[in-house]
Amino acid sequence: MNSTFFIALRFVFGIFLIVFGANKFFHFMPAGQMSEAAMNYFSALMSTNTLYVVAIVEILSGLSLLTNKFGALMMIILMTVSVNALLFNAFLEPGSIGLTLVLLILNIVMLYAYKERYKDILRP
């Protein structure tokens, strides 16, 4: 991950993750309209504090990218958030899938950038 492109992408993705993770705590960006099913899902996430766990994962992932410490590990953990966000948008809010696709694509690109670090655990 020495390429200037990947370093710039790491910083942009890190800031993206920190901003959206912090938004789950401080609500500085408007949420927009959601379907009833999506509202029920978010209500369940809020009532069980699961959304705060997602926010913490996003913030820690962003910080790890900015500091370049534990980035490979955090990208694997963040992939669970990315896939769940994609499934949520695909089935409950298909109209707002754009940012989720950006999240997923950036996550996949960063996983690829850290591919050398995964070789030992992916060996047959």
C-alpha atoms as a PDB file:
ATOM      1  CA  MET A   1       0.000   0.000   0.000  1.00  0.00           C
ATOM      2  CA  ASN A   2       2.747   2.435  -0.921  1.00  0.00           C
ATOM      3  CA  SER A   3       1.077   4.007  -3.927  1.00  0.00           C
ATOM      4  CA  THR A   4       0.114   7.664  -3.617  1.00  0.00           C
ATOM      5  CA  PHE A   5      -3.353   6.749  -4.860  1.00  0.00           C
ATOM      6  CA  PHE A   6      -3.929   4.275  -2.041  1.00  0.00           C
ATOM      7  CA  ILE A   7      -2.555   6.687   0.555  1.00  0.00           C
ATOM      8  CA  ALA A   8      -4.951   9.388  -0.645  1.00  0.00           C
ATOM      9  CA  LEU A   9      -7.805   6.885  -0.769  1.00  0.00           C
ATOM     10  CA  ARG A  10      -6.960   5.730   2.760  1.00  0.00           C
ATOM     11  CA  PHE A  11      -7.265   9.304   4.047  1.00  0.00           C
ATOM     12  CA  VAL A  12     -10.486  10.055   2.137  1.00  0.00           C
ATOM     13  CA  PHE A  13     -12.089   6.794   3.280  1.00  0.00           C
ATOM     14  CA  GLY A  14     -10.897   7.378   6.846  1.00  0.00           C
ATOM     15  CA  ILE A  15     -12.518  10.814   6.972  1.00  0.00           C
ATOM     16  CA  PHE A  16     -15.680   9.413   5.331  1.00  0.00           C
ATOM     17  CA  LEU A  17     -15.932   6.749   8.036  1.00  0.00           C
ATOM     18  CA  ILE A  18     -15.275   9.132  10.915  1.00  0.00           C
ATOM     19  CA  VAL A  19     -17.881  11.635   9.691  1.00  0.00           C
ATOM     20  CA  PHE A  20     -20.609   9.031   9.157  1.00  0.00           C
ATOM     21  CA  GLY A  21     -19.739   7.238  12.392  1.00  0.00           C
ATOM     22  CA  ALA A  22     -19.866  10.497  14.363  1.00  0.00           C
ATOM     23  CA  ASN A  23     -23.189  11.349  12.730  1.00  0.00           C
ATOM     24  CA  LYS A  24     -24.728   8.320  14.441  1.00  0.00           C
ATOM     25  CA  PHE A  25     -23.879   9.933  17.793  1.00  0.00           C
ATOM     26  CA  PHE A  26     -24.399  13.641  17.098  1.00  0.00           C
ATOM     27  CA  HIS A  27     -27.022  13.670  14.268  1.00  0.00           C
ATOM     28  CA  PHE A  28     -25.553  16.651  12.384  1.00  0.00           C
ATOM     29  CA  MET A  29     -26.741  15.373   8.961  1.00  0.00           C
ATOM     30  CA  PRO A  30     -30.469  15.067   8.240  1.00  0.00           C
ATOM     31  CA  ALA A  31     -31.740  11.502   7.981  1.00  0.00           C
ATOM     32  CA  GLY A  32     -34.310  11.931   5.220  1.00  0.00           C
ATOM     33  CA  GLN A  33     -37.510  10.015   4.698  1.00  0.00           C
ATOM     34  CA  MET A  34     -37.559   6.253   5.210  1.00  0.00           C
ATOM     35  CA  SER A  35     -40.160   3.587   4.644  1.00  0.00           C
ATOM     36  CA  GLU A  36     -42.028   2.172   7.612  1.00  0.00           C
ATOM     37  CA  ALA A  37     -40.052  -1.068   7.436  1.00  0.00           C
ATOM     38  CA  ALA A  38     -36.757   0.858   7.454  1.00  0.00           C
ATOM     39  CA  MET A  39     -37.928   2.971  10.409  1.00  0.00           C
ATOM     40  CA  ASN A  40     -38.854  -0.188  12.320  1.00  0.00           C
ATOM     41  CA  TYR A  41     -35.416  -1.632  11.620  1.00  0.00           C
ATOM     42  CA  PHE A  42     -33.656   1.549  12.768  1.00  0.00           C
ATOM     43  CA  SER A  43     -35.852   1.695  15.864  1.00  0.00           C
ATOM     44  CA  ALA A  44     -34.714  -1.821  16.748  1.00  0.00           C
ATOM     45  CA  LEU A  45     -31.070  -0.872  16.181  1.00  0.00           C
ATOM     46  CA  MET A  46     -31.458   2.203  18.388  1.00  0.00           C
ATOM     47  CA  SER A  47     -33.344   0.446  21.175  1.00  0.00           C
ATOM     48  CA  THR A  48     -30.675  -2.249  21.451  1.00  0.00           C
ATOM     49  CA  ASN A  49     -27.774   0.256  21.077  1.00  0.00           C
ATOM     50  CA  THR A  50     -26.532  -1.733  18.072  1.00  0.00           C
ATOM     51  CA  LEU A  51     -26.314   1.430  15.991  1.00  0.00           C
ATOM     52  CA  TYR A  52     -23.778   2.805  18.470  1.00  0.00           C
ATOM     53  CA  VAL A  53     -21.648  -0.322  18.043  1.00  0.00           C
ATOM     54  CA  VAL A  54     -21.738   0.234  14.268  1.00  0.00           C
ATOM     55  CA  ALA A  55     -20.738   3.875  14.823  1.00  0.00           C
ATOM     56  CA  ILE A  56     -17.808   2.838  17.012  1.00  0.00           C
ATOM     57  CA  VAL A  57     -16.638   0.344  14.371  1.00  0.00           C
ATOM     58  CA  GLU A  58     -16.851   3.044  11.694  1.00  0.00           C
ATOM     59  CA  ILE A  59     -14.952   5.600  13.801  1.00  0.00           C
ATOM     60  CA  LEU A  60     -12.257   3.100  14.807  1.00  0.00           C
ATOM     61  CA  SER A  61     -11.916   1.985  11.181  1.00  0.00           C
ATOM     62  CA  GLY A  62     -11.538   5.582  10.070  1.00  0.00           C
ATOM     63  CA  LEU A  63      -8.948   6.307  12.748  1.00  0.00           C
ATOM     64  CA  SER A  64      -7.028   3.159  11.847  1.00  0.00           C
ATOM     65  CA  LEU A  65      -6.890   4.268   8.218  1.00  0.00           C
ATOM     66  CA  LEU A  66      -5.766   7.776   9.122  1.00  0.00           C
ATOM     67  CA  THR A  67      -3.040   6.513  11.440  1.00  0.00           C
ATOM     68  CA  ASN A  68      -2.216   3.470   9.275  1.00  0.00           C
ATOM     69  CA  LYS A  69      -2.379   1.206  12.334  1.00  0.00           C
ATOM     70  CA  PHE A  70      -4.428  -2.017  12.232  1.00  0.00           C
ATOM     71  CA  GLY A  71      -5.960  -0.975   8.892  1.00  0.00           C
ATOM     72  CA  ALA A  72      -5.994  -4.499   7.475  1.00  0.00           C
ATOM     73  CA  LEU A  73      -7.827  -5.840  10.541  1.00  0.00           C
ATOM     74  CA  MET A  74     -10.335  -2.996  10.619  1.00  0.00           C
ATOM     75  CA  MET A  75     -11.147  -3.411   6.916  1.00  0.00           C
ATOM     76  CA  ILE A  76     -12.157  -7.024   7.576  1.00  0.00           C
ATOM     77  CA  ILE A  77     -14.317  -5.974  10.529  1.00  0.00           C
ATOM     78  CA  LEU A  78     -15.791  -3.071   8.533  1.00  0.00           C
ATOM     79  CA  MET A  79     -16.793  -5.461   5.735  1.00  0.00           C
ATOM     80  CA  THR A  80     -19.524  -6.844   8.026  1.00  0.00           C
ATOM     81  CA  VAL A  81     -20.926  -3.319   8.390  1.00  0.00           C
ATOM     82  CA  SER A  82     -20.681  -2.744   4.630  1.00  0.00           C
ATOM     83  CA  VAL A  83     -22.519  -5.953   3.755  1.00  0.00           C
ATOM     84  CA  ASN A  84     -25.253  -5.298   6.322  1.00  0.00           C
ATOM     85  CA  ALA A  85     -25.691  -1.746   5.020  1.00  0.00           C
ATOM     86  CA  LEU A  86     -25.956  -3.100   1.479  1.00  0.00           C
ATOM     87  CA  LEU A  87     -28.581  -5.654   2.497  1.00  0.00           C
ATOM     88  CA  PHE A  88     -30.546  -3.000   4.400  1.00  0.00           C
ATOM     89  CA  ASN A  89     -30.591  -0.707   1.383  1.00  0.00           C
ATOM     90  CA  ALA A  90     -31.254  -3.482  -1.113  1.00  0.00           C
ATOM     91  CA  PHE A  91     -34.306  -4.788   0.719  1.00  0.00           C
ATOM     92  CA  LEU A  92     -35.677  -1.890   2.796  1.00  0.00           C
ATOM     93  CA  GLU A  93     -34.469   1.370   1.181  1.00  0.00           C
ATOM     94  CA  PRO A  94     -33.381   0.731  -2.425  1.00  0.00           C
ATOM     95  CA  GLY A  95     -33.657   4.421  -3.302  1.00  0.00           C
ATOM     96  CA  SER A  96     -30.762   5.373  -1.033  1.00  0.00           C
ATOM     97  CA  ILE A  97     -28.273   2.680  -1.983  1.00  0.00           C
ATOM     98  CA  GLY A  98     -25.717   5.096  -3.487  1.00  0.00           C
ATOM     99  CA  LEU A  99     -23.601   5.868  -0.407  1.00  0.00           C
ATOM    100  CA  THR A 100     -23.765   2.232   0.610  1.00  0.00           C
ATOM    101  CA  LEU A 101     -22.251   1.209  -2.719  1.00  0.00           C
ATOM    102  CA  VAL A 102     -19.507   3.814  -2.226  1.00  0.00           C
ATOM    103  CA  LEU A 103     -18.831   2.353   1.241  1.00  0.00           C
ATOM    104  CA  LEU A 104     -18.700  -1.196  -0.107  1.00  0.00           C
ATOM    105  CA  ILE A 105     -16.500  -0.344  -3.099  1.00  0.00           C
ATOM    106  CA  LEU A 106     -14.058   1.632  -0.951  1.00  0.00           C
ATOM    107  CA  ASN A 107     -13.964  -1.224   1.555  1.00  0.00           C
ATOM    108  CA  ILE A 108     -13.190  -3.743  -1.200  1.00  0.00           C
ATOM    109  CA  VAL A 109     -10.484  -1.491  -2.676  1.00  0.00           C
ATOM    110  CA  MET A 110      -8.870  -1.106   0.750  1.00  0.00           C
ATOM    111  CA  LEU A 111      -9.034  -4.869   1.339  1.00  0.00           C
ATOM    112  CA  TYR A 112      -7.219  -5.289  -1.973  1.00  0.00           C
ATOM    113  CA  ALA A 113      -4.657  -2.684  -0.940  1.00  0.00           C
ATOM    114  CA  TYR A 114      -3.915  -4.700   2.201  1.00  0.00           C
ATOM    115  CA  LYS A 115      -3.864  -8.057   0.364  1.00  0.00           C
ATOM    116  CA  GLU A 116      -0.246  -8.782   1.326  1.00  0.00           C
ATOM    117  CA  ARG A 117      -1.231  -8.794   4.994  1.00  0.00           C
ATOM    118  CA  TYR A 118      -3.882 -11.476   4.419  1.00  0.00           C
ATOM    119  CA  LYS A 119      -1.682 -14.025   2.651  1.00  0.00           C
ATOM    120  CA  ASP A 120      -0.828 -15.985   5.801  1.00  0.00           C
ATOM    121  CA  ILE A 121      -4.431 -16.401   6.934  1.00  0.00           C
ATOM    122  CA  LEU A 122      -5.687 -17.286   3.450  1.00  0.00           C
ATOM    123  CA  ARG A 123      -3.153 -20.008   2.804  1.00  0.00           C
ATOM    124  CA  PRO A 124      -4.795 -23.438   2.277  1.00  0.00           C
END
